[in-house]
PDB file of N, CA and C in Angstrom:
ATOM      1  N   UNK A   1       0.852  -1.180   0.000  1.00  0.00           N
ATOM      2  CA  UNK A   1       0.000   0.000   0.000  1.00  0.00           C
ATOM      3  C   UNK A   1       0.893   1.236   0.000  1.00  0.00           C
ATOM      4  N   UNK A   2       0.433   2.261  -0.697  1.00  0.00           N
ATOM      5  CA  UNK A   2       1.171   3.514  -0.649  1.00  0.00           C
ATOM      6  C   UNK A   2       0.699   4.351   0.537  1.00  0.00           C
ATOM      7  N   UNK A   3       1.359   5.494   0.736  1.00  0.00           N
ATOM      8  CA  UNK A   3       1.089   6.362   1.876  1.00  0.00           C
ATOM      9  C   UNK A   3      -0.390   6.740   1.974  1.00  0.00           C
ATOM     10  N   UNK A   4      -0.967   7.196   0.881  1.00  0.00           N
ATOM     11  CA  UNK A   4      -2.364   7.644   0.897  1.00  0.00           C
ATOM     12  C   UNK A   4      -3.326   6.499   1.208  1.00  0.00           C
ATOM     13  N   UNK A   5      -3.039   5.310   0.683  1.00  0.00           N
ATOM     14  CA  UNK A   5      -3.897   4.150   0.970  1.00  0.00           C
ATOM     15  C   UNK A   5      -3.824   3.750   2.447  1.00  0.00           C
ATOM     16  N   UNK A   6      -2.627   3.859   3.019  1.00  0.00           N
ATOM     17  CA  UNK A   6      -2.486   3.519   4.437  1.00  0.00           C
ATOM     18  C   UNK A   6      -3.230   4.512   5.321  1.00  0.00           C
ATOM     19  N   UNK A   7      -3.116   5.785   5.005  1.00  0.00           N
ATOM     20  CA  UNK A   7      -3.840   6.792   5.783  1.00  0.00           C
ATOM     21  C   UNK A   7      -5.345   6.615   5.603  1.00  0.00           C
ATOM     22  N   UNK A   8      -5.777   6.256   4.399  1.00  0.00           N
ATOM     23  CA  UNK A   8      -7.205   5.989   4.170  1.00  0.00           C
ATOM     24  C   UNK A   8      -7.664   4.806   5.027  1.00  0.00           C
ATOM     25  N   UNK A   9      -6.815   3.801   5.199  1.00  0.00           N
ATOM     26  CA  UNK A   9      -7.149   2.665   6.048  1.00  0.00           C
ATOM     27  C   UNK A   9      -7.311   3.116   7.508  1.00  0.00           C
ATOM     28  N   UNK A  10      -6.423   3.978   7.972  1.00  0.00           N
ATOM     29  CA  UNK A  10      -6.540   4.512   9.340  1.00  0.00           C
ATOM     30  C   UNK A  10      -7.845   5.292   9.492  1.00  0.00           C
ATOM     31  N   UNK A  11      -8.153   6.138   8.514  1.00  0.00           N
ATOM     32  CA  UNK A  11      -9.416   6.901   8.572  1.00  0.00           C
ATOM     33  C   UNK A  11     -10.615   5.956   8.570  1.00  0.00           C
ATOM     34  N   UNK A  12     -10.529   4.882   7.803  1.00  0.00           N
ATOM     35  CA  UNK A  12     -11.617   3.900   7.746  1.00  0.00           C
ATOM     36  C   UNK A  12     -11.802   3.216   9.100  1.00  0.00           C
ATOM     37  N   UNK A  13     -10.674   2.904   9.775  1.00  0.00           N
ATOM     38  CA  UNK A  13     -10.752   2.294  11.101  1.00  0.00           C
ATOM     39  C   UNK A  13     -11.476   3.222  12.071  1.00  0.00           C
ATOM     40  N   UNK A  14     -11.069   4.495  12.091  1.00  0.00           N
ATOM     41  CA  UNK A  14     -11.698   5.435  13.014  1.00  0.00           C
ATOM     42  C   UNK A  14     -13.157   5.691  12.633  1.00  0.00           C
ATOM     43  N   UNK A  15     -13.461   5.767  11.339  1.00  0.00           N
ATOM     44  CA  UNK A  15     -14.851   5.969  10.911  1.00  0.00           C
ATOM     45  C   UNK A  15     -15.723   4.798  11.349  1.00  0.00           C
ATOM     46  N   UNK A  16     -15.211   3.580  11.210  1.00  0.00           N
ATOM     47  CA  UNK A  16     -15.974   2.402  11.635  1.00  0.00           C
ATOM     48  C   UNK A  16     -16.227   2.441  13.137  1.00  0.00           C
ATOM     49  N   UNK A  17     -15.231   2.813  13.906  1.00  0.00           N
ATOM     50  CA  UNK A  17     -15.414   2.922  15.355  1.00  0.00           C
ATOM     51  C   UNK A  17     -16.452   3.995  15.678  1.00  0.00           C
ATOM     52  N   UNK A  18     -16.336   5.139  15.020  1.00  0.00           N
ATOM     53  CA  UNK A  18     -17.268   6.246  15.271  1.00  0.00           C
ATOM     54  C   UNK A  18     -18.705   5.875  14.938  1.00  0.00           C
ATOM     55  N   UNK A  19     -18.874   5.057  13.902  1.00  0.00           N
ATOM     56  CA  UNK A  19     -20.211   4.664  13.452  1.00  0.00           C
ATOM     57  C   UNK A  19     -20.698   3.377  14.120  1.00  0.00           C
ATOM     58  N   UNK A  20     -19.874   2.859  15.041  1.00  0.00           N
ATOM     59  CA  UNK A  20     -20.202   1.617  15.755  1.00  0.00           C
ATOM     60  C   UNK A  20     -20.401   0.464  14.773  1.00  0.00           C
ATOM     61  N   UNK A  21     -19.601   0.457  13.716  1.00  0.00           N
ATOM     62  CA  UNK A  21     -19.715  -0.526  12.640  1.00  0.00           C
ATOM     63  C   UNK A  21     -18.801  -1.719  12.922  1.00  0.00           C
ATOM     64  N   UNK A  22     -19.284  -2.628  13.748  1.00  0.00           N
ATOM     65  CA  UNK A  22     -18.486  -3.790  14.123  1.00  0.00           C
ATOM     66  C   UNK A  22     -18.243  -4.738  12.949  1.00  0.00           C
ATOM     67  N   UNK A  23     -19.146  -4.769  11.987  1.00  0.00           N
ATOM     68  CA  UNK A  23     -18.972  -5.638  10.820  1.00  0.00           C
ATOM     69  C   UNK A  23     -17.736  -5.247  10.010  1.00  0.00           C
ATOM     70  N   UNK A  24     -17.377  -3.965  10.028  1.00  0.00           N
ATOM     71  CA  UNK A  24     -16.220  -3.495   9.265  1.00  0.00           C
ATOM     72  C   UNK A  24     -14.899  -3.992   9.847  1.00  0.00           C
ATOM     73  N   UNK A  25     -14.904  -4.407  11.100  1.00  0.00           N
ATOM     74  CA  UNK A  25     -13.672  -4.875  11.754  1.00  0.00           C
ATOM     75  C   UNK A  25     -13.020  -5.993  10.951  1.00  0.00           C
ATOM     76  N   UNK A  26     -13.818  -6.936  10.453  1.00  0.00           N
ATOM     77  CA  UNK A  26     -13.270  -8.066   9.695  1.00  0.00           C
ATOM     78  C   UNK A  26     -12.600  -7.631   8.398  1.00  0.00           C
ATOM     79  N   UNK A  27     -13.010  -6.503   7.845  1.00  0.00           N
ATOM     80  CA  UNK A  27     -12.415  -5.994   6.606  1.00  0.00           C
ATOM     81  C   UNK A  27     -11.186  -5.135   6.869  1.00  0.00           C
ATOM     82  N   UNK A  28     -11.103  -4.549   8.047  1.00  0.00           N
ATOM     83  CA  UNK A  28     -10.042  -3.598   8.365  1.00  0.00           C
ATOM     84  C   UNK A  28      -8.849  -4.276   9.032  1.00  0.00           C
ATOM     85  N   UNK A  29      -9.118  -5.237   9.916  1.00  0.00           N
ATOM     86  CA  UNK A  29      -8.060  -5.871  10.708  1.00  0.00           C
ATOM     87  C   UNK A  29      -7.707  -7.245  10.157  1.00  0.00           C
ATOM     88  N   UNK A  30      -6.422  -7.573  10.214  1.00  0.00           N
ATOM     89  CA  UNK A  30      -5.938  -8.880   9.762  1.00  0.00           C
ATOM     90  C   UNK A  30      -6.469  -9.980  10.683  1.00  0.00           C
ATOM     91  N   UNK A  31      -6.608 -11.171  10.154  1.00  0.00           N
ATOM     92  CA  UNK A  31      -7.101 -12.308  10.940  1.00  0.00           C
ATOM     93  C   UNK A  31      -6.179 -12.598  12.127  1.00  0.00           C
ATOM     94  N   UNK A  32      -4.874 -12.336  11.964  1.00  0.00           N
ATOM     95  CA  UNK A  32      -3.914 -12.573  13.049  1.00  0.00           C
ATOM     96  C   UNK A  32      -3.511 -11.269  13.739  1.00  0.00           C
ATOM     97  N   UNK A  33      -4.415 -10.295  13.750  1.00  0.00           N
ATOM     98  CA  UNK A  33      -4.163  -8.989  14.367  1.00  0.00           C
ATOM     99  C   UNK A  33      -3.676  -9.134  15.810  1.00  0.00           C
ATOM    100  N   UNK A  34      -2.740  -8.225  16.189  1.00  0.00           N
ATOM    101  CA  UNK A  34      -2.262  -8.153  17.571  1.00  0.00           C
ATOM    102  C   UNK A  34      -2.304  -6.704  18.026  1.00  0.00           C
ATOM    103  N   UNK A  35      -2.795  -6.500  19.232  1.00  0.00           N
ATOM    104  CA  UNK A  35      -2.805  -5.183  19.852  1.00  0.00           C
ATOM    105  C   UNK A  35      -2.448  -5.323  21.320  1.00  0.00           C
ATOM    106  N   UNK A  36      -2.562  -4.254  22.050  1.00  0.00           N
ATOM    107  CA  UNK A  36      -2.263  -4.284  23.478  1.00  0.00           C
ATOM    108  C   UNK A  36      -3.381  -5.060  24.186  1.00  0.00           C
ATOM    109  N   UNK A  37      -3.093  -6.299  24.565  1.00  0.00           N
ATOM    110  CA  UNK A  37      -4.070  -7.128  25.248  1.00  0.00           C
ATOM    111  C   UNK A  37      -5.177  -7.668  24.364  1.00  0.00           C
ATOM    112  N   UNK A  38      -5.026  -7.542  23.056  1.00  0.00           N
ATOM    113  CA  UNK A  38      -6.065  -7.967  22.112  1.00  0.00           C
ATOM    114  C   UNK A  38      -5.413  -8.783  21.001  1.00  0.00           C
ATOM    115  N   UNK A  39      -6.029  -9.906  20.653  1.00  0.00           N
ATOM    116  CA  UNK A  39      -5.558 -10.720  19.534  1.00  0.00           C
ATOM    117  C   UNK A  39      -6.752 -11.085  18.667  1.00  0.00           C
ATOM    118  N   UNK A  40      -6.690 -10.737  17.387  1.00  0.00           N
ATOM    119  CA  UNK A  40      -7.729 -11.114  16.444  1.00  0.00           C
ATOM    120  C   UNK A  40      -8.903 -10.154  16.384  1.00  0.00           C
ATOM    121  N   UNK A  41      -9.587 -10.140  15.251  1.00  0.00           N
ATOM    122  CA  UNK A  41     -10.729  -9.246  15.041  1.00  0.00           C
ATOM    123  C   UNK A  41     -11.865  -9.427  16.045  1.00  0.00           C
ATOM    124  N   UNK A  42     -12.103 -10.650  16.517  1.00  0.00           N
ATOM    125  CA  UNK A  42     -13.199 -10.856  17.476  1.00  0.00           C
ATOM    126  C   UNK A  42     -12.943 -10.092  18.773  1.00  0.00           C
ATOM    127  N   UNK A  43     -11.690 -10.051  19.209  1.00  0.00           N
ATOM    128  CA  UNK A  43     -11.375  -9.297  20.417  1.00  0.00           C
ATOM    129  C   UNK A  43     -11.437  -7.788  20.163  1.00  0.00           C
ATOM    130  N   UNK A  44     -11.140  -7.354  18.935  1.00  0.00           N
ATOM    131  CA  UNK A  44     -11.324  -5.937  18.586  1.00  0.00           C
ATOM    132  C   UNK A  44     -12.805  -5.592  18.716  1.00  0.00           C
ATOM    133  N   UNK A  45     -13.662  -6.451  18.204  1.00  0.00           N
ATOM    134  CA  UNK A  45     -15.113  -6.213  18.296  1.00  0.00           C
ATOM    135  C   UNK A  45     -15.560  -6.124  19.749  1.00  0.00           C
ATOM    136  N   UNK A  46     -15.039  -7.015  20.590  1.00  0.00           N
ATOM    137  CA  UNK A  46     -15.402  -6.966  22.010  1.00  0.00           C
ATOM    138  C   UNK A  46     -14.923  -5.671  22.657  1.00  0.00           C
ATOM    139  N   UNK A  47     -13.711  -5.243  22.333  1.00  0.00           N
ATOM    140  CA  UNK A  47     -13.176  -3.994  22.894  1.00  0.00           C
ATOM    141  C   UNK A  47     -13.995  -2.802  22.420  1.00  0.00           C
ATOM    142  N   UNK A  48     -14.311  -2.766  21.130  1.00  0.00           N
ATOM    143  CA  UNK A  48     -15.127  -1.667  20.599  1.00  0.00           C
ATOM    144  C   UNK A  48     -16.518  -1.686  21.235  1.00  0.00           C
ATOM    145  N   UNK A  49     -17.103  -2.871  21.399  1.00  0.00           N
ATOM    146  CA  UNK A  49     -18.439  -2.974  22.013  1.00  0.00           C
ATOM    147  C   UNK A  49     -18.425  -2.427  23.431  1.00  0.00           C
ATOM    148  N   UNK A  50     -17.371  -2.728  24.172  1.00  0.00           N
ATOM    149  CA  UNK A  50     -17.259  -2.209  25.538  1.00  0.00           C
ATOM    150  C   UNK A  50     -17.141  -0.688  25.531  1.00  0.00           C
ATOM    151  N   UNK A  51     -16.383  -0.153  24.582  1.00  0.00           N
ATOM    152  CA  UNK A  51     -16.233   1.307  24.482  1.00  0.00           C
ATOM    153  C   UNK A  51     -17.564   1.953  24.088  1.00  0.00           C
ATOM    154  N   UNK A  52     -18.267   1.345  23.162  1.00  0.00           N
ATOM    155  CA  UNK A  52     -19.567   1.861  22.724  1.00  0.00           C
ATOM    156  C   UNK A  52     -20.554   1.861  23.896  1.00  0.00           C
ATOM    157  N   UNK A  53     -20.536   0.797  24.681  1.00  0.00           N
ATOM    158  CA  UNK A  53     -21.443   0.720  25.831  1.00  0.00           C
ATOM    159  C   UNK A  53     -21.103   1.784  26.872  1.00  0.00           C
ATOM    160  N   UNK A  54     -19.812   1.977  27.110  1.00  0.00           N
ATOM    161  CA  UNK A  54     -19.379   2.928  28.143  1.00  0.00           C
ATOM    162  C   UNK A  54     -19.520   4.369  27.685  1.00  0.00           C
ATOM    163  N   UNK A  55     -19.175   4.635  26.425  1.00  0.00           N
ATOM    164  CA  UNK A  55     -19.164   6.010  25.891  1.00  0.00           C
ATOM    165  C   UNK A  55     -19.800   6.012  24.497  1.00  0.00           C
ATOM    166  N   UNK A  56     -21.125   5.908  24.404  1.00  0.00           N
ATOM    167  CA  UNK A  56     -21.779   5.775  23.097  1.00  0.00           C
ATOM    168  C   UNK A  56     -21.573   6.976  22.170  1.00  0.00           C
ATOM    169  N   UNK A  57     -21.207   8.122  22.711  1.00  0.00           N
ATOM    170  CA  UNK A  57     -21.011   9.316  21.887  1.00  0.00           C
ATOM    171  C   UNK A  57     -19.547   9.575  21.553  1.00  0.00           C
ATOM    172  N   UNK A  58     -18.669   8.593  21.812  1.00  0.00           N
ATOM    173  CA  UNK A  58     -17.255   8.848  21.522  1.00  0.00           C
ATOM    174  C   UNK A  58     -17.043   9.082  20.026  1.00  0.00           C
ATOM    175  N   UNK A  59     -16.045   9.888  19.728  1.00  0.00           N
ATOM    176  CA  UNK A  59     -15.710  10.192  18.338  1.00  0.00           C
ATOM    177  C   UNK A  59     -14.201  10.381  18.245  1.00  0.00           C
ATOM    178  N   UNK A  60     -13.580   9.644  17.343  1.00  0.00           N
ATOM    179  CA  UNK A  60     -12.141   9.729  17.124  1.00  0.00           C
ATOM    180  C   UNK A  60     -11.893  10.497  15.830  1.00  0.00           C
ATOM    181  N   UNK A  61     -11.028  11.490  15.901  1.00  0.00           N
ATOM    182  CA  UNK A  61     -10.706  12.334  14.737  1.00  0.00           C
ATOM    183  C   UNK A  61      -9.205  12.277  14.495  1.00  0.00           C
ATOM    184  N   UNK A  62      -8.795  11.777  13.325  1.00  0.00           N
ATOM    185  CA  UNK A  62      -7.378  11.720  12.972  1.00  0.00           C
ATOM    186  C   UNK A  62      -6.841  13.133  12.782  1.00  0.00           C
ATOM    187  N   UNK A  63      -5.761  13.445  13.469  1.00  0.00           N
ATOM    188  CA  UNK A  63      -5.139  14.769  13.397  1.00  0.00           C
ATOM    189  C   UNK A  63      -3.865  14.717  12.561  1.00  0.00           C
ATOM    190  N   UNK A  64      -3.024  13.730  12.811  1.00  0.00           N
ATOM    191  CA  UNK A  64      -1.747  13.584  12.108  1.00  0.00           C
ATOM    192  C   UNK A  64      -1.496  12.129  11.788  1.00  0.00           C
ATOM    193  N   UNK A  65      -0.816  11.898  10.674  1.00  0.00           N
ATOM    194  CA  UNK A  65      -0.395  10.547  10.315  1.00  0.00           C
ATOM    195  C   UNK A  65       0.960  10.622   9.633  1.00  0.00           C
ATOM    196  N   UNK A  66       1.857   9.753  10.046  1.00  0.00           N
ATOM    197  CA  UNK A  66       3.162   9.624   9.394  1.00  0.00           C
ATOM    198  C   UNK A  66       3.314   8.176   8.959  1.00  0.00           C
ATOM    199  N   UNK A  67       3.793   7.989   7.754  1.00  0.00           N
ATOM    200  CA  UNK A  67       3.937   6.648   7.206  1.00  0.00           C
ATOM    201  C   UNK A  67       5.406   6.396   6.891  1.00  0.00           C
ATOM    202  N   UNK A  68       5.879   5.208   7.274  1.00  0.00           N
ATOM    203  CA  UNK A  68       7.234   4.774   6.958  1.00  0.00           C
ATOM    204  C   UNK A  68       7.168   3.292   6.617  1.00  0.00           C
ATOM    205  N   UNK A  69       7.252   2.984   5.342  1.00  0.00           N
ATOM    206  CA  UNK A  69       7.159   1.591   4.913  1.00  0.00           C
ATOM    207  C   UNK A  69       5.786   1.030   5.216  1.00  0.00           C
ATOM    208  N   UNK A  70       5.753  -0.041   6.026  1.00  0.00           N
ATOM    209  CA  UNK A  70       4.474  -0.681   6.361  1.00  0.00           C
ATOM    210  C   UNK A  70       3.933  -0.228   7.714  1.00  0.00           C
ATOM    211  N   UNK A  71       4.484   0.871   8.248  1.00  0.00           N
ATOM    212  CA  UNK A  71       4.083   1.357   9.575  1.00  0.00           C
ATOM    213  C   UNK A  71       3.570   2.785   9.527  1.00  0.00           C
ATOM    214  N   UNK A  72       2.649   3.086  10.457  1.00  0.00           N
ATOM    215  CA  UNK A  72       2.108   4.440  10.585  1.00  0.00           C
ATOM    216  C   UNK A  72       2.164   4.859  12.042  1.00  0.00           C
ATOM    217  N   UNK A  73       2.369   6.147  12.252  1.00  0.00           N
ATOM    218  CA  UNK A  73       2.173   6.762  13.560  1.00  0.00           C
ATOM    219  C   UNK A  73       0.966   7.667  13.413  1.00  0.00           C
ATOM    220  N   UNK A  74      -0.023   7.487  14.283  1.00  0.00           N
ATOM    221  CA  UNK A  74      -1.282   8.231  14.196  1.00  0.00           C
ATOM    222  C   UNK A  74      -1.491   9.032  15.474  1.00  0.00           C
ATOM    223  N   UNK A  75      -1.961  10.262  15.328  1.00  0.00           N
ATOM    224  CA  UNK A  75      -2.350  11.083  16.476  1.00  0.00           C
ATOM    225  C   UNK A  75      -3.783  11.514  16.252  1.00  0.00           C
ATOM    226  N   UNK A  76      -4.625  11.294  17.253  1.00  0.00           N
ATOM    227  CA  UNK A  76      -6.050  11.583  17.110  1.00  0.00           C
ATOM    228  C   UNK A  76      -6.583  12.240  18.372  1.00  0.00           C
ATOM    229  N   UNK A  77      -7.667  12.999  18.208  1.00  0.00           N
ATOM    230  CA  UNK A  77      -8.418  13.502  19.348  1.00  0.00           C
ATOM    231  C   UNK A  77      -9.610  12.578  19.562  1.00  0.00           C
ATOM    232  N   UNK A  78     -10.060  12.514  20.816  1.00  0.00           N
ATOM    233  CA  UNK A  78     -11.199  11.668  21.157  1.00  0.00           C
ATOM    234  C   UNK A  78     -12.165  12.512  21.983  1.00  0.00           C
ATOM    235  N   UNK A  79     -13.385  12.636  21.505  1.00  0.00           N
ATOM    236  CA  UNK A  79     -14.405  13.376  22.241  1.00  0.00           C
ATOM    237  C   UNK A  79     -15.498  12.421  22.699  1.00  0.00           C
ATOM    238  N   UNK A  80     -16.311  12.899  23.645  1.00  0.00           N
ATOM    239  CA  UNK A  80     -17.406  12.078  24.161  1.00  0.00           C
ATOM    240  C   UNK A  80     -16.942  11.008  25.122  1.00  0.00           C
ATOM    241  N   UNK A  81     -15.779  11.244  25.759  1.00  0.00           N
ATOM    242  CA  UNK A  81     -15.202  10.264  26.681  1.00  0.00           C
ATOM    243  C   UNK A  81     -14.774  10.946  27.972  1.00  0.00           C
ATOM    244  N   UNK A  82     -14.478  10.133  28.973  1.00  0.00           N
ATOM    245  CA  UNK A  82     -13.906  10.628  30.216  1.00  0.00           C
ATOM    246  C   UNK A  82     -12.399  10.470  30.147  1.00  0.00           C
ATOM    247  N   UNK A  83     -11.679  11.452  30.696  1.00  0.00           N
ATOM    248  CA  UNK A  83     -10.233  11.328  30.829  1.00  0.00           C
ATOM    249  C   UNK A  83      -9.878  11.436  32.307  1.00  0.00           C
ATOM    250  N   UNK A  84      -8.725  10.925  32.645  1.00  0.00           N
ATOM    251  CA  UNK A  84      -8.301  10.930  34.047  1.00  0.00           C
ATOM    252  C   UNK A  84      -8.233  12.347  34.611  1.00  0.00           C
ATOM    253  N   UNK A  85      -7.811  13.317  33.798  1.00  0.00           N
ATOM    254  CA  UNK A  85      -7.653  14.696  34.269  1.00  0.00           C
ATOM    255  C   UNK A  85      -8.827  15.589  33.896  1.00  0.00           C
ATOM    256  N   UNK A  86      -9.821  15.036  33.207  1.00  0.00           N
ATOM    257  CA  UNK A  86     -10.970  15.832  32.790  1.00  0.00           C
ATOM    258  C   UNK A  86     -10.704  16.728  31.602  1.00  0.00           C
ATOM    259  N   UNK A  87      -9.588  16.507  30.905  1.00  0.00           N
ATOM    260  CA  UNK A  87      -9.257  17.326  29.738  1.00  0.00           C
ATOM    261  C   UNK A  87      -9.687  16.621  28.452  1.00  0.00           C
ATOM    262  N   UNK A  88      -9.276  17.167  27.315  1.00  0.00           N
ATOM    263  CA  UNK A  88      -9.616  16.553  26.033  1.00  0.00           C
ATOM    264  C   UNK A  88      -8.931  15.198  25.890  1.00  0.00           C
ATOM    265  N   UNK A  89      -9.618  14.288  25.211  1.00  0.00           N
ATOM    266  CA  UNK A  89      -9.054  12.972  24.994  1.00  0.00           C
ATOM    267  C   UNK A  89      -8.085  12.968  23.828  1.00  0.00           C
ATOM    268  N   UNK A  90      -7.061  12.137  23.948  1.00  0.00           N
ATOM    269  CA  UNK A  90      -6.126  11.959  22.842  1.00  0.00           C
ATOM    270  C   UNK A  90      -5.812  10.478  22.685  1.00  0.00           C
ATOM    271  N   UNK A  91      -5.325  10.141  21.524  1.00  0.00           N
ATOM    272  CA  UNK A  91      -4.955   8.773  21.200  1.00  0.00           C
ATOM    273  C   UNK A  91      -3.754   8.838  20.274  1.00  0.00           C
ATOM    274  N   UNK A  92      -2.705   8.137  20.620  1.00  0.00           N
ATOM    275  CA  UNK A  92      -1.535   8.006  19.757  1.00  0.00           C
ATOM    276  C   UNK A  92      -1.361   6.525  19.489  1.00  0.00           C
ATOM    277  N   UNK A  93      -1.291   6.158  18.215  1.00  0.00           N
ATOM    278  CA  UNK A  93      -1.173   4.744  17.867  1.00  0.00           C
ATOM    279  C   UNK A  93      -0.055   4.532  16.855  1.00  0.00           C
ATOM    280  N   UNK A  94       0.626   3.412  17.030  1.00  0.00           N
ATOM    281  CA  UNK A  94       1.607   2.959  16.062  1.00  0.00           C
ATOM    282  C   UNK A  94       1.019   1.711  15.429  1.00  0.00           C
ATOM    283  N   UNK A  95       0.928   1.729  14.120  1.00  0.00           N
ATOM    284  CA  UNK A  95       0.187   0.708  13.380  1.00  0.00           C
ATOM    285  C   UNK A  95       1.103   0.055  12.341  1.00  0.00           C
ATOM    286  N   UNK A  96       1.000  -1.268  12.218  1.00  0.00           N
ATOM    287  CA  UNK A  96       1.667  -1.975  11.118  1.00  0.00           C
ATOM    288  C   UNK A  96       0.581  -2.552  10.224  1.00  0.00           C
ATOM    289  N   UNK A  97       0.779  -2.393   8.919  1.00  0.00           N
ATOM    290  CA  UNK A  97      -0.173  -2.861   7.925  1.00  0.00           C
ATOM    291  C   UNK A  97       0.450  -4.017   7.143  1.00  0.00           C
ATOM    292  N   UNK A  98      -0.330  -5.053   6.895  1.00  0.00           N
ATOM    293  CA  UNK A  98       0.110  -6.194   6.094  1.00  0.00           C
ATOM    294  C   UNK A  98      -1.038  -6.623   5.187  1.00  0.00           C
ATOM    295  N   UNK A  99      -0.747  -6.778   3.929  1.00  0.00           N
ATOM    296  CA  UNK A  99      -1.750  -7.238   2.958  1.00  0.00           C
ATOM    297  C   UNK A  99      -3.018  -6.387   2.982  1.00  0.00           C
ATOM    298  N   UNK A 100      -2.844  -5.082   3.161  1.00  0.00           N
ATOM    299  CA  UNK A 100      -3.974  -4.162   3.098  1.00  0.00           C
ATOM    300  C   UNK A 100      -4.839  -4.089   4.341  1.00  0.00           C
ATOM    301  N   UNK A 101      -4.400  -4.744   5.419  1.00  0.00           N
ATOM    302  CA  UNK A 101      -5.173  -4.731   6.669  1.00  0.00           C
ATOM    303  C   UNK A 101      -4.271  -4.363   7.837  1.00  0.00           C
ATOM    304  N   UNK A 102      -4.891  -3.888   8.892  1.00  0.00           N
ATOM    305  CA  UNK A 102      -4.142  -3.534  10.087  1.00  0.00           C
ATOM    306  C   UNK A 102      -3.747  -4.818  10.800  1.00  0.00           C
ATOM    307  N   UNK A 103      -2.427  -5.010  10.964  1.00  0.00           N
ATOM    308  CA  UNK A 103      -1.905  -6.242  11.551  1.00  0.00           C
ATOM    309  C   UNK A 103      -1.521  -6.076  13.016  1.00  0.00           C
ATOM    310  N   UNK A 104      -1.016  -4.896  13.382  1.00  0.00           N
ATOM    311  CA  UNK A 104      -0.585  -4.630  14.751  1.00  0.00           C
ATOM    312  C   UNK A 104      -0.922  -3.198  15.114  1.00  0.00           C
ATOM    313  N   UNK A 105      -1.293  -2.989  16.383  1.00  0.00           N
ATOM    314  CA  UNK A 105      -1.506  -1.634  16.913  1.00  0.00           C
ATOM    315  C   UNK A 105      -0.951  -1.587  18.326  1.00  0.00           C
ATOM    316  N   UNK A 106      -0.172  -0.553  18.603  1.00  0.00           N
ATOM    317  CA  UNK A 106       0.278  -0.241  19.948  1.00  0.00           C
ATOM    318  C   UNK A 106      -0.158   1.178  20.209  1.00  0.00           C
ATOM    319  N   UNK A 107      -0.774   1.442  21.320  1.00  0.00           N
ATOM    320  CA  UNK A 107      -1.327   2.774  21.529  1.00  0.00           C
ATOM    321  C   UNK A 107      -1.158   3.314  22.925  1.00  0.00           C
ATOM    322  N   UNK A 108      -1.297   4.631  23.009  1.00  0.00           N
ATOM    323  CA  UNK A 108      -1.271   5.372  24.268  1.00  0.00           C
ATOM    324  C   UNK A 108      -2.446   6.332  24.233  1.00  0.00           C
ATOM    325  N   UNK A 109      -3.196   6.415  25.341  1.00  0.00           N
ATOM    326  CA  UNK A 109      -4.342   7.310  25.409  1.00  0.00           C
ATOM    327  C   UNK A 109      -4.513   7.817  26.832  1.00  0.00           C
ATOM    328  N   UNK A 110      -5.202   8.945  26.957  1.00  0.00           N
ATOM    329  CA  UNK A 110      -5.573   9.431  28.281  1.00  0.00           C
ATOM    330  C   UNK A 110      -7.059   9.162  28.565  1.00  0.00           C
ATOM    331  N   UNK A 111      -7.715   8.419  27.691  1.00  0.00           N
ATOM    332  CA  UNK A 111      -9.126   8.080  27.863  1.00  0.00           C
ATOM    333  C   UNK A 111      -9.260   7.048  28.982  1.00  0.00           C
ATOM    334  N   UNK A 112     -10.175   7.300  29.901  1.00  0.00           N
ATOM    335  CA  UNK A 112     -10.425   6.374  31.010  1.00  0.00           C
ATOM    336  C   UNK A 112     -11.193   5.176  30.454  1.00  0.00           C
ATOM    337  N   UNK A 113     -10.497   4.063  30.286  1.00  0.00           N
ATOM    338  CA  UNK A 113     -11.087   2.884  29.654  1.00  0.00           C
ATOM    339  C   UNK A 113     -11.776   1.957  30.642  1.00  0.00           C
ATOM    340  N   UNK A 114     -11.609   2.177  31.917  1.00  0.00           N
ATOM    341  CA  UNK A 114     -12.229   1.296  32.921  1.00  0.00           C
ATOM    342  C   UNK A 114     -12.936   2.110  33.953  1.00  0.00           C
TER     343      UNK A 114
END
C-alpha cells in the first residue's frame, strides 16, 4: 500500500469505530491482528463494544499521520469520553499494515477505559 492508501485505512478504522460498525472490523483488521491485550478481530469487536457501551457518543478524529514503509504513527483527538484529568481525549497509535489490513496496533491514550 502507498502512503495515501495507508492513511485511508486509518481513517476507515476510526470511521468504523465512530459509526459503531463492528462488521467493518473483519475488513479492516488482519485475521492474526495483535494489539495491546487484544488478539484477532473478534477481540477488537469486544473492545469496541465495551467502548460503545461505556461512551456511546465517543468520536475519534485523525489529526496527524506519518507513514514509513508498512508502519504508521497516528495522532487523534477523542471526544465524548472521560479522561483521568478531565481534559480533552487523545490517542496516539503505532500501526503496522500487512496485505492491506491492520496487523498490529500499539497505543497510548488518556481516555479512562475502565
